[in-house]
Amino acid sequence: MNESELIEIIYGSIEVGMVIKKPNQDSVILNITENGNIYYRIGESNRKAVTKNELSKTYKLLSEGALSSSHLYEIVTTAKPCNATTIKWLLKHSGLARENDNGELVKLRW
């Protein structure tokens, strides 16, 4: 599987209004823009976006092996820690990855 296929599968598995199950608080997908940003809301008013660039970096690391939480935090930076759990959910929801016993994401279907 190449990067664009992974991203296409992620976009195809989500829709506006879908609830993102997170450990501390659920989020809701608000919009998926032409440039590939996936906007979501945490709580009532906190709006965030997972970018296509973040998904590209995720693909590169996951294709090399297991993806740990620290890898995800490197991708999204400390300014956007919620994006790490959102990316994790996107990969698991779309059937592209699962969590192993160590809490790392490992690829599926590719």
PDB file of N, CA and C in Angstrom:
ATOM      1  N   MET A   1       0.848  -1.174   0.000  1.00  0.00           N
ATOM      2  CA  MET A   1       0.000   0.000   0.000  1.00  0.00           C
ATOM      3  C   MET A   1       0.894   1.238   0.000  1.00  0.00           C
ATOM      4  N   ASN A   2       0.535   2.184  -0.824  1.00  0.00           N
ATOM      5  CA  ASN A   2       1.313   3.417  -0.828  1.00  0.00           C
ATOM      6  C   ASN A   2       0.609   4.489   0.013  1.00  0.00           C
ATOM      7  N   GLU A   3       1.265   5.615   0.156  1.00  0.00           N
ATOM      8  CA  GLU A   3       0.771   6.700   1.008  1.00  0.00           C
ATOM      9  C   GLU A   3      -0.594   7.219   0.573  1.00  0.00           C
ATOM     10  N   SER A   4      -0.771   7.455  -0.712  1.00  0.00           N
ATOM     11  CA  SER A   4      -2.053   8.005  -1.170  1.00  0.00           C
ATOM     12  C   SER A   4      -3.196   7.012  -0.973  1.00  0.00           C
ATOM     13  N   GLU A   5      -2.920   5.718  -1.090  1.00  0.00           N
ATOM     14  CA  GLU A   5      -3.953   4.709  -0.839  1.00  0.00           C
ATOM     15  C   GLU A   5      -4.369   4.713   0.633  1.00  0.00           C
ATOM     16  N   LEU A   6      -3.382   4.802   1.529  1.00  0.00           N
ATOM     17  CA  LEU A   6      -3.689   4.863   2.952  1.00  0.00           C
ATOM     18  C   LEU A   6      -4.564   6.073   3.265  1.00  0.00           C
ATOM     19  N   ILE A   7      -4.184   7.221   2.746  1.00  0.00           N
ATOM     20  CA  ILE A   7      -4.933   8.445   3.019  1.00  0.00           C
ATOM     21  C   ILE A   7      -6.337   8.347   2.430  1.00  0.00           C
ATOM     22  N   GLU A   8      -6.469   7.787   1.246  1.00  0.00           N
ATOM     23  CA  GLU A   8      -7.779   7.612   0.613  1.00  0.00           C
ATOM     24  C   GLU A   8      -8.677   6.689   1.447  1.00  0.00           C
ATOM     25  N   ILE A   9      -8.106   5.626   1.996  1.00  0.00           N
ATOM     26  CA  ILE A   9      -8.884   4.710   2.842  1.00  0.00           C
ATOM     27  C   ILE A   9      -9.359   5.430   4.101  1.00  0.00           C
ATOM     28  N   ILE A  10      -8.493   6.223   4.701  1.00  0.00           N
ATOM     29  CA  ILE A  10      -8.889   6.982   5.896  1.00  0.00           C
ATOM     30  C   ILE A  10     -10.046   7.915   5.569  1.00  0.00           C
ATOM     31  N   TYR A  11      -9.910   8.704   4.497  1.00  0.00           N
ATOM     32  CA  TYR A  11     -10.980   9.648   4.127  1.00  0.00           C
ATOM     33  C   TYR A  11     -12.275   8.916   3.783  1.00  0.00           C
ATOM     34  N   GLY A  12     -12.152   7.755   3.151  1.00  0.00           N
ATOM     35  CA  GLY A  12     -13.334   6.993   2.778  1.00  0.00           C
ATOM     36  C   GLY A  12     -14.046   6.338   3.954  1.00  0.00           C
ATOM     37  N   SER A  13     -13.373   6.234   5.090  1.00  0.00           N
ATOM     38  CA  SER A  13     -13.973   5.559   6.241  1.00  0.00           C
ATOM     39  C   SER A  13     -14.617   6.513   7.244  1.00  0.00           C
ATOM     40  N   ILE A  14     -14.530   7.815   6.966  1.00  0.00           N
ATOM     41  CA  ILE A  14     -15.094   8.790   7.907  1.00  0.00           C
ATOM     42  C   ILE A  14     -16.093   9.693   7.203  1.00  0.00           C
ATOM     43  N   GLU A  15     -16.916  10.333   7.996  1.00  0.00           N
ATOM     44  CA  GLU A  15     -17.853  11.313   7.456  1.00  0.00           C
ATOM     45  C   GLU A  15     -18.140  12.364   8.515  1.00  0.00           C
ATOM     46  N   VAL A  16     -18.599  13.508   8.056  1.00  0.00           N
ATOM     47  CA  VAL A  16     -18.949  14.601   8.957  1.00  0.00           C
ATOM     48  C   VAL A  16     -20.023  14.122   9.924  1.00  0.00           C
ATOM     49  N   GLY A  17     -19.848  14.462  11.188  1.00  0.00           N
ATOM     50  CA  GLY A  17     -20.797  14.075  12.230  1.00  0.00           C
ATOM     51  C   GLY A  17     -20.402  12.808  12.969  1.00  0.00           C
ATOM     52  N   MET A  18     -19.423  12.086  12.452  1.00  0.00           N
ATOM     53  CA  MET A  18     -18.987  10.845  13.084  1.00  0.00           C
ATOM     54  C   MET A  18     -18.316  11.151  14.419  1.00  0.00           C
ATOM     55  N   VAL A  19     -18.577  10.304  15.406  1.00  0.00           N
ATOM     56  CA  VAL A  19     -17.985  10.465  16.733  1.00  0.00           C
ATOM     57  C   VAL A  19     -16.659   9.715  16.787  1.00  0.00           C
ATOM     58  N   ILE A  20     -15.642  10.402  17.281  1.00  0.00           N
ATOM     59  CA  ILE A  20     -14.318   9.825  17.477  1.00  0.00           C
ATOM     60  C   ILE A  20     -14.214   9.462  18.951  1.00  0.00           C
ATOM     61  N   LYS A  21     -14.113   8.182  19.225  1.00  0.00           N
ATOM     62  CA  LYS A  21     -14.003   7.713  20.611  1.00  0.00           C
ATOM     63  C   LYS A  21     -12.579   7.913  21.103  1.00  0.00           C
ATOM     64  N   LYS A  22     -12.440   8.682  22.183  1.00  0.00           N
ATOM     65  CA  LYS A  22     -11.137   8.959  22.769  1.00  0.00           C
ATOM     66  C   LYS A  22     -11.161   8.584  24.246  1.00  0.00           C
ATOM     67  N   PRO A  23      -9.994   8.399  24.845  1.00  0.00           N
ATOM     68  CA  PRO A  23      -9.949   7.985  26.252  1.00  0.00           C
ATOM     69  C   PRO A  23     -10.623   8.977  27.220  1.00  0.00           C
ATOM     70  N   ASN A  24     -10.390  10.260  27.033  1.00  0.00           N
ATOM     71  CA  ASN A  24     -10.894  11.236  28.002  1.00  0.00           C
ATOM     72  C   ASN A  24     -12.191  11.922  27.593  1.00  0.00           C
ATOM     73  N   GLN A  25     -12.351  12.185  26.315  1.00  0.00           N
ATOM     74  CA  GLN A  25     -13.543  12.884  25.846  1.00  0.00           C
ATOM     75  C   GLN A  25     -13.736  12.591  24.364  1.00  0.00           C
ATOM     76  N   ASP A  26     -14.965  12.292  23.984  1.00  0.00           N
ATOM     77  CA  ASP A  26     -15.248  12.023  22.579  1.00  0.00           C
ATOM     78  C   ASP A  26     -15.161  13.298  21.755  1.00  0.00           C
ATOM     79  N   SER A  27     -14.840  13.145  20.479  1.00  0.00           N
ATOM     80  CA  SER A  27     -14.777  14.254  19.533  1.00  0.00           C
ATOM     81  C   SER A  27     -15.769  13.980  18.409  1.00  0.00           C
ATOM     82  N   VAL A  28     -16.025  14.999  17.603  1.00  0.00           N
ATOM     83  CA  VAL A  28     -16.932  14.874  16.463  1.00  0.00           C
ATOM     84  C   VAL A  28     -16.251  15.448  15.234  1.00  0.00           C
ATOM     85  N   ILE A  29     -16.326  14.729  14.111  1.00  0.00           N
ATOM     86  CA  ILE A  29     -15.759  15.238  12.861  1.00  0.00           C
ATOM     87  C   ILE A  29     -16.662  16.344  12.332  1.00  0.00           C
ATOM     88  N   LEU A  30     -16.078  17.509  12.091  1.00  0.00           N
ATOM     89  CA  LEU A  30     -16.827  18.680  11.634  1.00  0.00           C
ATOM     90  C   LEU A  30     -16.774  18.865  10.120  1.00  0.00           C
ATOM     91  N   ASN A  31     -15.585  18.614   9.533  1.00  0.00           N
ATOM     92  CA  ASN A  31     -15.412  18.911   8.111  1.00  0.00           C
ATOM     93  C   ASN A  31     -14.166  18.199   7.584  1.00  0.00           C
ATOM     94  N   ILE A  32     -14.208  17.862   6.321  1.00  0.00           N
ATOM     95  CA  ILE A  32     -13.038  17.329   5.620  1.00  0.00           C
ATOM     96  C   ILE A  32     -12.849  18.244   4.415  1.00  0.00           C
ATOM     97  N   THR A  33     -11.764  18.994   4.408  1.00  0.00           N
ATOM     98  CA  THR A  33     -11.592  20.032   3.402  1.00  0.00           C
ATOM     99  C   THR A  33     -10.901  19.510   2.145  1.00  0.00           C
ATOM    100  N   GLU A  34     -10.948  20.324   1.097  1.00  0.00           N
ATOM    101  CA  GLU A  34     -10.327  19.993  -0.192  1.00  0.00           C
ATOM    102  C   GLU A  34      -8.828  19.721  -0.057  1.00  0.00           C
ATOM    103  N   ASN A  35      -8.164  20.453   0.857  1.00  0.00           N
ATOM    104  CA  ASN A  35      -6.719  20.268   1.021  1.00  0.00           C
ATOM    105  C   ASN A  35      -6.374  19.092   1.929  1.00  0.00           C
ATOM    106  N   GLY A  36      -7.397  18.363   2.413  1.00  0.00           N
ATOM    107  CA  GLY A  36      -7.159  17.153   3.173  1.00  0.00           C
ATOM    108  C   GLY A  36      -7.198  17.284   4.679  1.00  0.00           C
ATOM    109  N   ASN A  37      -7.469  18.469   5.189  1.00  0.00           N
ATOM    110  CA  ASN A  37      -7.570  18.625   6.636  1.00  0.00           C
ATOM    111  C   ASN A  37      -8.856  17.990   7.144  1.00  0.00           C
ATOM    112  N   ILE A  38      -8.741  17.290   8.251  1.00  0.00           N
ATOM    113  CA  ILE A  38      -9.906  16.693   8.906  1.00  0.00           C
ATOM    114  C   ILE A  38     -10.136  17.502  10.182  1.00  0.00           C
ATOM    115  N   TYR A  39     -11.160  18.348  10.161  1.00  0.00           N
ATOM    116  CA  TYR A  39     -11.480  19.170  11.321  1.00  0.00           C
ATOM    117  C   TYR A  39     -12.389  18.396  12.260  1.00  0.00           C
ATOM    118  N   TYR A  40     -12.100  18.518  13.549  1.00  0.00           N
ATOM    119  CA  TYR A  40     -12.912  17.855  14.562  1.00  0.00           C
ATOM    120  C   TYR A  40     -13.058  18.772  15.771  1.00  0.00           C
ATOM    121  N   ARG A  41     -14.060  18.483  16.568  1.00  0.00           N
ATOM    122  CA  ARG A  41     -14.338  19.293  17.750  1.00  0.00           C
ATOM    123  C   ARG A  41     -14.118  18.434  18.990  1.00  0.00           C
ATOM    124  N   ILE A  42     -13.496  19.051  19.982  1.00  0.00           N
ATOM    125  CA  ILE A  42     -13.361  18.431  21.295  1.00  0.00           C
ATOM    126  C   ILE A  42     -14.213  19.267  22.237  1.00  0.00           C
ATOM    127  N   GLY A  43     -15.131  18.635  22.921  1.00  0.00           N
ATOM    128  CA  GLY A  43     -16.025  19.392  23.788  1.00  0.00           C
ATOM    129  C   GLY A  43     -16.996  20.207  22.950  1.00  0.00           C
ATOM    130  N   GLU A  44     -17.342  21.360  23.447  1.00  0.00           N
ATOM    131  CA  GLU A  44     -18.335  22.183  22.755  1.00  0.00           C
ATOM    132  C   GLU A  44     -17.735  23.159  21.744  1.00  0.00           C
ATOM    133  N   SER A  45     -16.510  23.628  21.992  1.00  0.00           N
ATOM    134  CA  SER A  45     -16.016  24.702  21.119  1.00  0.00           C
ATOM    135  C   SER A  45     -14.563  24.575  20.675  1.00  0.00           C
ATOM    136  N   ASN A  46     -13.831  23.595  21.138  1.00  0.00           N
ATOM    137  CA  ASN A  46     -12.421  23.479  20.818  1.00  0.00           C
ATOM    138  C   ASN A  46     -12.240  22.758  19.480  1.00  0.00           C
ATOM    139  N   ARG A  47     -11.906  23.506  18.436  1.00  0.00           N
ATOM    140  CA  ARG A  47     -11.783  22.964  17.077  1.00  0.00           C
ATOM    141  C   ARG A  47     -10.314  22.707  16.728  1.00  0.00           C
ATOM    142  N   LYS A  48     -10.041  21.516  16.219  1.00  0.00           N
ATOM    143  CA  LYS A  48      -8.684  21.113  15.835  1.00  0.00           C
ATOM    144  C   LYS A  48      -8.728  20.502  14.443  1.00  0.00           C
ATOM    145  N   ALA A  49      -7.538  20.276  13.849  1.00  0.00           N
ATOM    146  CA  ALA A  49      -7.476  19.642  12.528  1.00  0.00           C
ATOM    147  C   ALA A  49      -6.289  18.708  12.441  1.00  0.00           C
ATOM    148  N   VAL A  50      -6.541  17.520  11.902  1.00  0.00           N
ATOM    149  CA  VAL A  50      -5.468  16.612  11.503  1.00  0.00           C
ATOM    150  C   VAL A  50      -5.182  16.942  10.042  1.00  0.00           C
ATOM    151  N   THR A  51      -3.920  17.199   9.726  1.00  0.00           N
ATOM    152  CA  THR A  51      -3.568  17.612   8.370  1.00  0.00           C
ATOM    153  C   THR A  51      -3.128  16.415   7.523  1.00  0.00           C
ATOM    154  N   LYS A  52      -3.184  16.600   6.227  1.00  0.00           N
ATOM    155  CA  LYS A  52      -2.724  15.579   5.295  1.00  0.00           C
ATOM    156  C   LYS A  52      -1.227  15.328   5.497  1.00  0.00           C
ATOM    157  N   ASN A  53      -0.485  16.363   5.829  1.00  0.00           N
ATOM    158  CA  ASN A  53       0.944  16.247   6.092  1.00  0.00           C
ATOM    159  C   ASN A  53       1.198  15.332   7.297  1.00  0.00           C
ATOM    160  N   GLU A  54       0.381  15.468   8.346  1.00  0.00           N
ATOM    161  CA  GLU A  54       0.525  14.598   9.517  1.00  0.00           C
ATOM    162  C   GLU A  54       0.228  13.137   9.142  1.00  0.00           C
ATOM    163  N   LEU A  55      -0.771  12.938   8.298  1.00  0.00           N
ATOM    164  CA  LEU A  55      -1.092  11.574   7.850  1.00  0.00           C
ATOM    165  C   LEU A  55       0.044  11.003   6.995  1.00  0.00           C
ATOM    166  N   SER A  56       0.678  11.845   6.180  1.00  0.00           N
ATOM    167  CA  SER A  56       1.821  11.408   5.365  1.00  0.00           C
ATOM    168  C   SER A  56       2.985  10.972   6.249  1.00  0.00           C
ATOM    169  N   LYS A  57       3.282  11.758   7.260  1.00  0.00           N
ATOM    170  CA  LYS A  57       4.367  11.405   8.187  1.00  0.00           C
ATOM    171  C   LYS A  57       4.025  10.120   8.945  1.00  0.00           C
ATOM    172  N   THR A  58       2.764   9.962   9.300  1.00  0.00           N
ATOM    173  CA  THR A  58       2.317   8.753   9.989  1.00  0.00           C
ATOM    174  C   THR A  58       2.533   7.540   9.094  1.00  0.00           C
ATOM    175  N   TYR A  59       2.177   7.667   7.823  1.00  0.00           N
ATOM    176  CA  TYR A  59       2.364   6.571   6.869  1.00  0.00           C
ATOM    177  C   TYR A  59       3.835   6.146   6.827  1.00  0.00           C
ATOM    178  N   LYS A  60       4.722   7.118   6.714  1.00  0.00           N
ATOM    179  CA  LYS A  60       6.145   6.803   6.600  1.00  0.00           C
ATOM    180  C   LYS A  60       6.649   6.024   7.804  1.00  0.00           C
ATOM    181  N   LEU A  61       6.273   6.455   8.995  1.00  0.00           N
ATOM    182  CA  LEU A  61       6.735   5.761  10.199  1.00  0.00           C
ATOM    183  C   LEU A  61       6.078   4.393  10.365  1.00  0.00           C
ATOM    184  N   LEU A  62       4.783   4.306  10.095  1.00  0.00           N
ATOM    185  CA  LEU A  62       4.068   3.047  10.268  1.00  0.00           C
ATOM    186  C   LEU A  62       4.518   2.006   9.243  1.00  0.00           C
ATOM    187  N   SER A  63       4.894   2.465   8.057  1.00  0.00           N
ATOM    188  CA  SER A  63       5.349   1.508   7.039  1.00  0.00           C
ATOM    189  C   SER A  63       6.701   0.894   7.406  1.00  0.00           C
ATOM    190  N   GLU A  64       7.436   1.559   8.292  1.00  0.00           N
ATOM    191  CA  GLU A  64       8.735   1.052   8.739  1.00  0.00           C
ATOM    192  C   GLU A  64       8.622   0.099   9.923  1.00  0.00           C
ATOM    193  N   GLY A  65       7.483   0.111  10.613  1.00  0.00           N
ATOM    194  CA  GLY A  65       7.319  -0.764  11.776  1.00  0.00           C
ATOM    195  C   GLY A  65       6.241  -0.244  12.702  1.00  0.00           C
ATOM    196  N   ALA A  66       6.278  -0.698  13.953  1.00  0.00           N
ATOM    197  CA  ALA A  66       5.275  -0.296  14.942  1.00  0.00           C
ATOM    198  C   ALA A  66       5.391   1.200  15.238  1.00  0.00           C
ATOM    199  N   LEU A  67       4.244   1.802  15.516  1.00  0.00           N
ATOM    200  CA  LEU A  67       4.169   3.240  15.764  1.00  0.00           C
ATOM    201  C   LEU A  67       3.780   3.467  17.215  1.00  0.00           C
ATOM    202  N   SER A  68       4.673   4.034  17.984  1.00  0.00           N
ATOM    203  CA  SER A  68       4.412   4.271  19.402  1.00  0.00           C
ATOM    204  C   SER A  68       3.758   5.644  19.600  1.00  0.00           C
ATOM    205  N   SER A  69       3.252   5.852  20.797  1.00  0.00           N
ATOM    206  CA  SER A  69       2.673   7.154  21.121  1.00  0.00           C
ATOM    207  C   SER A  69       3.712   8.256  20.998  1.00  0.00           C
ATOM    208  N   SER A  70       4.951   7.978  21.387  1.00  0.00           N
ATOM    209  CA  SER A  70       5.991   9.007  21.276  1.00  0.00           C
ATOM    210  C   SER A  70       6.254   9.371  19.821  1.00  0.00           C
ATOM    211  N   HIS A  71       6.147   8.393  18.899  1.00  0.00           N
ATOM    212  CA  HIS A  71       6.264   8.711  17.469  1.00  0.00           C
ATOM    213  C   HIS A  71       5.145   9.656  17.044  1.00  0.00           C
ATOM    214  N   LEU A  72       3.938   9.362  17.489  1.00  0.00           N
ATOM    215  CA  LEU A  72       2.796  10.215  17.121  1.00  0.00           C
ATOM    216  C   LEU A  72       2.971  11.630  17.655  1.00  0.00           C
ATOM    217  N   TYR A  73       3.464  11.752  18.881  1.00  0.00           N
ATOM    218  CA  TYR A  73       3.660  13.086  19.451  1.00  0.00           C
ATOM    219  C   TYR A  73       4.758  13.861  18.725  1.00  0.00           C
ATOM    220  N   GLU A  74       5.728  13.161  18.159  1.00  0.00           N
ATOM    221  CA  GLU A  74       6.735  13.826  17.326  1.00  0.00           C
ATOM    222  C   GLU A  74       6.102  14.370  16.047  1.00  0.00           C
ATOM    223  N   ILE A  75       5.173  13.622  15.488  1.00  0.00           N
ATOM    224  CA  ILE A  75       4.501  14.032  14.252  1.00  0.00           C
ATOM    225  C   ILE A  75       3.630  15.263  14.484  1.00  0.00           C
ATOM    226  N   VAL A  76       2.847  15.244  15.555  1.00  0.00           N
ATOM    227  CA  VAL A  76       1.861  16.308  15.764  1.00  0.00           C
ATOM    228  C   VAL A  76       2.397  17.465  16.588  1.00  0.00           C
ATOM    229  N   THR A  77       3.531  17.340  17.162  1.00  0.00           N
ATOM    230  CA  THR A  77       4.177  18.312  18.048  1.00  0.00           C
ATOM    231  C   THR A  77       3.413  18.449  19.363  1.00  0.00           C
ATOM    232  N   THR A  78       4.064  19.027  20.318  1.00  0.00           N
ATOM    233  CA  THR A  78       3.442  19.184  21.639  1.00  0.00           C
ATOM    234  C   THR A  78       2.296  20.188  21.612  1.00  0.00           C
ATOM    235  N   ALA A  79       2.210  20.990  20.582  1.00  0.00           N
ATOM    236  CA  ALA A  79       1.137  21.981  20.488  1.00  0.00           C
ATOM    237  C   ALA A  79      -0.218  21.339  20.181  1.00  0.00           C
ATOM    238  N   LYS A  80      -0.206  20.124  19.604  1.00  0.00           N
ATOM    239  CA  LYS A  80      -1.469  19.494  19.207  1.00  0.00           C
ATOM    240  C   LYS A  80      -1.544  18.041  19.675  1.00  0.00           C
ATOM    241  N   PRO A  81      -1.450  17.783  20.977  1.00  0.00           N
ATOM    242  CA  PRO A  81      -1.445  16.394  21.452  1.00  0.00           C
ATOM    243  C   PRO A  81      -2.747  15.648  21.150  1.00  0.00           C
ATOM    244  N   CYS A  82      -3.847  16.341  21.023  1.00  0.00           N
ATOM    245  CA  CYS A  82      -5.124  15.679  20.710  1.00  0.00           C
ATOM    246  C   CYS A  82      -5.088  15.030  19.327  1.00  0.00           C
ATOM    247  N   ASN A  83      -4.285  15.558  18.436  1.00  0.00           N
ATOM    248  CA  ASN A  83      -4.186  14.973  17.101  1.00  0.00           C
ATOM    249  C   ASN A  83      -3.595  13.569  17.141  1.00  0.00           C
ATOM    250  N   ALA A  84      -2.753  13.290  18.134  1.00  0.00           N
ATOM    251  CA  ALA A  84      -2.160  11.958  18.246  1.00  0.00           C
ATOM    252  C   ALA A  84      -3.249  10.912  18.487  1.00  0.00           C
ATOM    253  N   THR A  85      -4.162  11.190  19.405  1.00  0.00           N
ATOM    254  CA  THR A  85      -5.235  10.220  19.665  1.00  0.00           C
ATOM    255  C   THR A  85      -6.217  10.166  18.506  1.00  0.00           C
ATOM    256  N   THR A  86      -6.384  11.276  17.806  1.00  0.00           N
ATOM    257  CA  THR A  86      -7.275  11.276  16.641  1.00  0.00           C
ATOM    258  C   THR A  86      -6.673  10.444  15.511  1.00  0.00           C
ATOM    259  N   ILE A  87      -5.389  10.591  15.250  1.00  0.00           N
ATOM    260  CA  ILE A  87      -4.723   9.796  14.215  1.00  0.00           C
ATOM    261  C   ILE A  87      -4.791   8.316  14.571  1.00  0.00           C
ATOM    262  N   LYS A  88      -4.564   8.012  15.827  1.00  0.00           N
ATOM    263  CA  LYS A  88      -4.649   6.624  16.293  1.00  0.00           C
ATOM    264  C   LYS A  88      -6.047   6.066  16.006  1.00  0.00           C
ATOM    265  N   TRP A  89      -7.073   6.844  16.334  1.00  0.00           N
ATOM    266  CA  TRP A  89      -8.451   6.418  16.087  1.00  0.00           C
ATOM    267  C   TRP A  89      -8.700   6.254  14.584  1.00  0.00           C
ATOM    268  N   LEU A  90      -8.236   7.191  13.775  1.00  0.00           N
ATOM    269  CA  LEU A  90      -8.439   7.113  12.331  1.00  0.00           C
ATOM    270  C   LEU A  90      -7.849   5.823  11.758  1.00  0.00           C
ATOM    271  N   LEU A  91      -6.650   5.478  12.171  1.00  0.00           N
ATOM    272  CA  LEU A  91      -5.993   4.266  11.675  1.00  0.00           C
ATOM    273  C   LEU A  91      -6.723   2.999  12.125  1.00  0.00           C
ATOM    274  N   LYS A  92      -7.152   2.981  13.378  1.00  0.00           N
ATOM    275  CA  LYS A  92      -7.863   1.804  13.878  1.00  0.00           C
ATOM    276  C   LYS A  92      -9.264   1.721  13.282  1.00  0.00           C
ATOM    277  N   HIS A  93      -9.968   2.840  13.208  1.00  0.00           N
ATOM    278  CA  HIS A  93     -11.337   2.860  12.674  1.00  0.00           C
ATOM    279  C   HIS A  93     -11.371   2.420  11.206  1.00  0.00           C
ATOM    280  N   SER A  94     -10.376   2.824  10.444  1.00  0.00           N
ATOM    281  CA  SER A  94     -10.344   2.486   9.024  1.00  0.00           C
ATOM    282  C   SER A  94      -9.810   1.077   8.757  1.00  0.00           C
ATOM    283  N   GLY A  95      -9.413   0.373   9.807  1.00  0.00           N
ATOM    284  CA  GLY A  95      -8.925  -0.997   9.664  1.00  0.00           C
ATOM    285  C   GLY A  95      -7.501  -1.084   9.138  1.00  0.00           C
ATOM    286  N   LEU A  96      -6.751   0.004   9.224  1.00  0.00           N
ATOM    287  CA  LEU A  96      -5.386   0.026   8.721  1.00  0.00           C
ATOM    288  C   LEU A  96      -4.359  -0.370   9.774  1.00  0.00           C
ATOM    289  N   ALA A  97      -4.736  -0.273  11.046  1.00  0.00           N
ATOM    290  CA  ALA A  97      -3.805  -0.590  12.128  1.00  0.00           C
ATOM    291  C   ALA A  97      -4.582  -1.100  13.337  1.00  0.00           C
ATOM    292  N   ARG A  98      -3.839  -1.770  14.200  1.00  0.00           N
ATOM    293  CA  ARG A  98      -4.395  -2.202  15.480  1.00  0.00           C
ATOM    294  C   ARG A  98      -3.342  -1.945  16.543  1.00  0.00           C
ATOM    295  N   GLU A  99      -3.787  -1.937  17.790  1.00  0.00           N
ATOM    296  CA  GLU A  99      -2.855  -1.760  18.889  1.00  0.00           C
ATOM    297  C   GLU A  99      -2.344  -3.111  19.348  1.00  0.00           C
ATOM    298  N   ASN A 100      -1.032  -3.217  19.539  1.00  0.00           N
ATOM    299  CA  ASN A 100      -0.476  -4.462  20.062  1.00  0.00           C
ATOM    300  C   ASN A 100      -0.459  -4.408  21.594  1.00  0.00           C
ATOM    301  N   ASP A 101       0.073  -5.421  22.230  1.00  0.00           N
ATOM    302  CA  ASP A 101       0.083  -5.504  23.693  1.00  0.00           C
ATOM    303  C   ASP A 101       0.906  -4.392  24.351  1.00  0.00           C
ATOM    304  N   ASN A 102       1.812  -3.790  23.607  1.00  0.00           N
ATOM    305  CA  ASN A 102       2.639  -2.692  24.128  1.00  0.00           C
ATOM    306  C   ASN A 102       1.999  -1.326  23.910  1.00  0.00           C
ATOM    307  N   GLY A 103       0.805  -1.293  23.325  1.00  0.00           N
ATOM    308  CA  GLY A 103       0.138  -0.029  23.051  1.00  0.00           C
ATOM    309  C   GLY A 103       0.606   0.650  21.776  1.00  0.00           C
ATOM    310  N   GLU A 104       1.429  -0.054  20.994  1.00  0.00           N
ATOM    311  CA  GLU A 104       1.906   0.494  19.734  1.00  0.00           C
ATOM    312  C   GLU A 104       0.931   0.126  18.622  1.00  0.00           C
ATOM    313  N   LEU A 105       0.880   0.964  17.593  1.00  0.00           N
ATOM    314  CA  LEU A 105       0.073   0.650  16.417  1.00  0.00           C
ATOM    315  C   LEU A 105       0.903  -0.189  15.456  1.00  0.00           C
ATOM    316  N   VAL A 106       0.288  -1.262  14.953  1.00  0.00           N
ATOM    317  CA  VAL A 106       0.922  -2.074  13.926  1.00  0.00           C
ATOM    318  C   VAL A 106      -0.003  -2.124  12.730  1.00  0.00           C
ATOM    319  N   LYS A 107       0.569  -2.122  11.559  1.00  0.00           N
ATOM    320  CA  LYS A 107      -0.230  -2.050  10.335  1.00  0.00           C
ATOM    321  C   LYS A 107      -0.995  -3.341  10.061  1.00  0.00           C
ATOM    322  N   LEU A 108      -2.140  -3.184   9.428  1.00  0.00           N
ATOM    323  CA  LEU A 108      -2.983  -4.277   8.962  1.00  0.00           C
ATOM    324  C   LEU A 108      -3.298  -4.029   7.497  1.00  0.00           C
ATOM    325  N   ARG A 109      -3.705  -5.071   6.772  1.00  0.00           N
ATOM    326  CA  ARG A 109      -4.198  -4.934   5.400  1.00  0.00           C
ATOM    327  C   ARG A 109      -3.183  -4.388   4.411  1.00  0.00           C
ATOM    328  N   TRP A 110      -1.945  -4.252   4.759  1.00  0.00           N
ATOM    329  CA  TRP A 110      -0.965  -3.747   3.809  1.00  0.00           C
ATOM    330  C   TRP A 110       0.357  -4.223   4.227  1.00  0.00           C
TER     331      TRP A 110
END
